[in-house]
Amino acid sequence: METDKIIHGNCVEKLKEIEANFVDLIYFDPPFFTQKKHSLANKDNSKIYEFDDKYNSIEEYLTLIESVLEQSKRVLKNTGSVFLHCDKTASHNIRVVLDKVFGRENFQSEIIWSYKRWSNAKKDF
């Protein structure tokens, strides 16, 4: 398999195509369990990009997350890292799944984004 490339497609299916213990880094940016349909158009509205972030339950959503993480663990080298991008909606649930799949002892750190949207809402933070 080629190295140093970005693979596009259904992540679970694409991960199954990758040999075990092959990948150094996985960046996983799943839907955030917003329970909404998201839509974005380009400037002239000639293209619309949409995805449905609706699930029947948090359990259904976490099953998806776990299936991706299990395949990620399979393809990840022992020295590899996983970065999982999520928001506050389900991050606490996802952390439990991460610990289940990778083991609590393998957690290294977290990155927390701080957005400055209002002039003094997070002053001195």
C-alpha atoms as a PDB file:
ATOM      1  CA  MET A   1       0.000   0.000   0.000  1.00  0.00           C
ATOM      2  CA  GLU A   2       1.138   3.553  -0.718  1.00  0.00           C
ATOM      3  CA  THR A   3       2.287   5.635   2.210  1.00  0.00           C
ATOM      4  CA  ASP A   4       1.829   9.338   2.956  1.00  0.00           C
ATOM      5  CA  LYS A   5      -1.600   9.761   1.427  1.00  0.00           C
ATOM      6  CA  ILE A   6      -5.075  10.744   2.467  1.00  0.00           C
ATOM      7  CA  ILE A   7      -7.743   8.078   1.887  1.00  0.00           C
ATOM      8  CA  HIS A   8     -11.301   9.196   1.143  1.00  0.00           C
ATOM      9  CA  GLY A   9     -14.443   7.112   1.654  1.00  0.00           C
ATOM     10  CA  ASN A  10     -16.430   5.321   4.337  1.00  0.00           C
ATOM     11  CA  CYS A  11     -13.886   5.099   7.124  1.00  0.00           C
ATOM     12  CA  VAL A  12     -14.836   1.636   8.400  1.00  0.00           C
ATOM     13  CA  GLU A  13     -14.704   0.143   4.911  1.00  0.00           C
ATOM     14  CA  LYS A  14     -11.463   1.931   3.993  1.00  0.00           C
ATOM     15  CA  LEU A  15      -9.795   0.897   7.261  1.00  0.00           C
ATOM     16  CA  LYS A  16     -10.620  -2.746   6.486  1.00  0.00           C
ATOM     17  CA  GLU A  17      -8.548  -2.402   3.292  1.00  0.00           C
ATOM     18  CA  ILE A  18      -5.421  -1.375   5.199  1.00  0.00           C
ATOM     19  CA  GLU A  19      -3.027  -3.987   6.507  1.00  0.00           C
ATOM     20  CA  ALA A  20      -2.597  -4.407  10.266  1.00  0.00           C
ATOM     21  CA  ASN A  21       0.080  -2.489  12.168  1.00  0.00           C
ATOM     22  CA  PHE A  22       0.708  -0.156   9.208  1.00  0.00           C
ATOM     23  CA  VAL A  23      -0.380   3.391  10.121  1.00  0.00           C
ATOM     24  CA  ASP A  24       1.519   5.942  12.226  1.00  0.00           C
ATOM     25  CA  LEU A  25      -1.261   8.501  12.710  1.00  0.00           C
ATOM     26  CA  ILE A  26      -5.054   8.495  12.494  1.00  0.00           C
ATOM     27  CA  TYR A  27      -7.119  11.681  12.614  1.00  0.00           C
ATOM     28  CA  PHE A  28     -10.793  10.863  13.149  1.00  0.00           C
ATOM     29  CA  ASP A  29     -13.358  13.672  12.753  1.00  0.00           C
ATOM     30  CA  PRO A  30     -16.735  11.962  13.197  1.00  0.00           C
ATOM     31  CA  PRO A  31     -20.132  13.660  13.237  1.00  0.00           C
ATOM     32  CA  PHE A  32     -20.721  15.277  16.639  1.00  0.00           C
ATOM     33  CA  PHE A  33     -24.113  13.720  17.544  1.00  0.00           C
ATOM     34  CA  THR A  34     -25.872  17.066  17.016  1.00  0.00           C
ATOM     35  CA  GLN A  35     -29.080  15.300  15.919  1.00  0.00           C
ATOM     36  CA  LYS A  36     -29.328  17.756  12.985  1.00  0.00           C
ATOM     37  CA  LYS A  37     -28.901  17.769   9.226  1.00  0.00           C
ATOM     38  CA  HIS A  38     -25.986  20.014   8.281  1.00  0.00           C
ATOM     39  CA  SER A  39     -25.755  21.891   5.010  1.00  0.00           C
ATOM     40  CA  LEU A  40     -23.194  24.231   3.468  1.00  0.00           C
ATOM     41  CA  ALA A  41     -23.134  25.839   0.029  1.00  0.00           C
ATOM     42  CA  ASN A  42     -20.308  27.423  -1.921  1.00  0.00           C
ATOM     43  CA  LYS A  43     -20.418  31.173  -2.658  1.00  0.00           C
ATOM     44  CA  ASP A  44     -22.552  30.941  -5.785  1.00  0.00           C
ATOM     45  CA  ASN A  45     -24.739  28.128  -4.378  1.00  0.00           C
ATOM     46  CA  SER A  46     -23.788  25.858  -7.272  1.00  0.00           C
ATOM     47  CA  LYS A  47     -22.683  23.121  -4.886  1.00  0.00           C
ATOM     48  CA  ILE A  48     -24.333  22.075  -1.658  1.00  0.00           C
ATOM     49  CA  TYR A  49     -22.596  19.806   0.828  1.00  0.00           C
ATOM     50  CA  GLU A  50     -24.805  18.013   3.326  1.00  0.00           C
ATOM     51  CA  PHE A  51     -24.590  15.318   5.918  1.00  0.00           C
ATOM     52  CA  ASP A  52     -27.109  13.914   8.331  1.00  0.00           C
ATOM     53  CA  ASP A  53     -25.928  13.779  11.938  1.00  0.00           C
ATOM     54  CA  LYS A  54     -29.085  12.146  13.293  1.00  0.00           C
ATOM     55  CA  TYR A  55     -29.058   8.843  15.162  1.00  0.00           C
ATOM     56  CA  ASN A  56     -31.800   6.821  16.836  1.00  0.00           C
ATOM     57  CA  SER A  57     -29.892   6.842  20.120  1.00  0.00           C
ATOM     58  CA  ILE A  58     -26.538   7.616  21.716  1.00  0.00           C
ATOM     59  CA  GLU A  59     -25.915   3.853  21.719  1.00  0.00           C
ATOM     60  CA  GLU A  60     -26.269   3.712  17.927  1.00  0.00           C
ATOM     61  CA  TYR A  61     -23.846   6.625  17.578  1.00  0.00           C
ATOM     62  CA  LEU A  62     -21.301   5.073  19.949  1.00  0.00           C
ATOM     63  CA  THR A  63     -21.520   1.767  18.053  1.00  0.00           C
ATOM     64  CA  LEU A  64     -20.370   3.638  14.952  1.00  0.00           C
ATOM     65  CA  ILE A  65     -17.536   5.306  16.889  1.00  0.00           C
ATOM     66  CA  GLU A  66     -16.454   1.984  18.398  1.00  0.00           C
ATOM     67  CA  SER A  67     -16.414   0.192  15.032  1.00  0.00           C
ATOM     68  CA  VAL A  68     -14.127   2.873  13.595  1.00  0.00           C
ATOM     69  CA  LEU A  69     -11.859   2.797  16.647  1.00  0.00           C
ATOM     70  CA  GLU A  70     -11.584  -1.006  16.570  1.00  0.00           C
ATOM     71  CA  GLN A  71     -10.448  -0.898  12.950  1.00  0.00           C
ATOM     72  CA  SER A  72      -8.156   2.028  13.781  1.00  0.00           C
ATOM     73  CA  LYS A  73      -6.511   0.012  16.515  1.00  0.00           C
ATOM     74  CA  ARG A  74      -5.987  -2.889  14.113  1.00  0.00           C
ATOM     75  CA  VAL A  75      -4.169  -0.784  11.503  1.00  0.00           C
ATOM     76  CA  LEU A  76      -2.290   1.448  13.946  1.00  0.00           C
ATOM     77  CA  LYS A  77       1.334   0.698  14.742  1.00  0.00           C
ATOM     78  CA  ASN A  78       2.165   0.106  18.412  1.00  0.00           C
ATOM     79  CA  THR A  79       3.985   3.448  18.338  1.00  0.00           C
ATOM     80  CA  GLY A  80       1.145   5.214  16.499  1.00  0.00           C
ATOM     81  CA  SER A  81      -1.307   7.867  17.678  1.00  0.00           C
ATOM     82  CA  VAL A  82      -4.996   8.573  17.259  1.00  0.00           C
ATOM     83  CA  PHE A  83      -6.416  12.077  17.280  1.00  0.00           C
ATOM     84  CA  LEU A  84     -10.198  12.116  17.628  1.00  0.00           C
ATOM     85  CA  HIS A  85     -11.965  15.445  17.073  1.00  0.00           C
ATOM     86  CA  CYS A  86     -15.230  15.844  18.977  1.00  0.00           C
ATOM     87  CA  ASP A  87     -17.221  18.489  20.786  1.00  0.00           C
ATOM     88  CA  LYS A  88     -18.924  18.637  24.174  1.00  0.00           C
ATOM     89  CA  THR A  89     -22.073  16.909  22.883  1.00  0.00           C
ATOM     90  CA  ALA A  90     -20.747  13.357  23.270  1.00  0.00           C
ATOM     91  CA  SER A  91     -17.070  13.732  24.222  1.00  0.00           C
ATOM     92  CA  HIS A  92     -17.553  12.115  27.635  1.00  0.00           C
ATOM     93  CA  ASN A  93     -19.211   9.096  25.994  1.00  0.00           C
ATOM     94  CA  ILE A  94     -16.513   8.877  23.326  1.00  0.00           C
ATOM     95  CA  ARG A  95     -13.781   8.947  25.969  1.00  0.00           C
ATOM     96  CA  VAL A  96     -15.291   5.824  27.555  1.00  0.00           C
ATOM     97  CA  VAL A  97     -15.246   4.070  24.168  1.00  0.00           C
ATOM     98  CA  LEU A  98     -11.641   5.169  23.564  1.00  0.00           C
ATOM     99  CA  ASP A  99     -10.650   3.696  26.927  1.00  0.00           C
ATOM    100  CA  LYS A 100     -12.518   0.478  26.126  1.00  0.00           C
ATOM    101  CA  VAL A 101     -10.807   0.009  22.748  1.00  0.00           C
ATOM    102  CA  PHE A 102      -7.305   1.313  23.482  1.00  0.00           C
ATOM    103  CA  GLY A 103      -7.102   0.963  27.272  1.00  0.00           C
ATOM    104  CA  ARG A 104      -7.101   3.784  29.825  1.00  0.00           C
ATOM    105  CA  GLU A 105      -3.360   3.429  30.280  1.00  0.00           C
ATOM    106  CA  ASN A 106      -2.786   4.511  26.657  1.00  0.00           C
ATOM    107  CA  PHE A 107      -4.466   7.916  26.991  1.00  0.00           C
ATOM    108  CA  GLN A 108      -1.840  10.623  26.532  1.00  0.00           C
ATOM    109  CA  SER A 109      -3.540  14.011  26.552  1.00  0.00           C
ATOM    110  CA  GLU A 110      -6.338  16.120  25.161  1.00  0.00           C
ATOM    111  CA  ILE A 111      -6.432  19.340  23.184  1.00  0.00           C
ATOM    112  CA  ILE A 112      -9.167  21.782  24.139  1.00  0.00           C
ATOM    113  CA  TRP A 113     -10.133  24.534  21.719  1.00  0.00           C
ATOM    114  CA  SER A 114     -10.985  27.941  23.115  1.00  0.00           C
ATOM    115  CA  TYR A 115     -12.897  30.174  20.728  1.00  0.00           C
ATOM    116  CA  LYS A 116     -12.845  33.957  21.095  1.00  0.00           C
ATOM    117  CA  ARG A 117     -16.248  34.910  19.754  1.00  0.00           C
ATOM    118  CA  TRP A 118     -17.084  37.710  22.161  1.00  0.00           C
ATOM    119  CA  SER A 119     -14.777  40.493  23.209  1.00  0.00           C
ATOM    120  CA  ASN A 120     -14.533  39.784  26.946  1.00  0.00           C
ATOM    121  CA  ALA A 121     -16.351  36.481  27.487  1.00  0.00           C
ATOM    122  CA  LYS A 122     -13.101  34.604  28.120  1.00  0.00           C
ATOM    123  CA  LYS A 123     -10.847  37.460  29.085  1.00  0.00           C
ATOM    124  CA  ASP A 124      -7.440  36.355  30.363  1.00  0.00           C
ATOM    125  CA  PHE A 125      -8.109  32.706  29.480  1.00  0.00           C
END
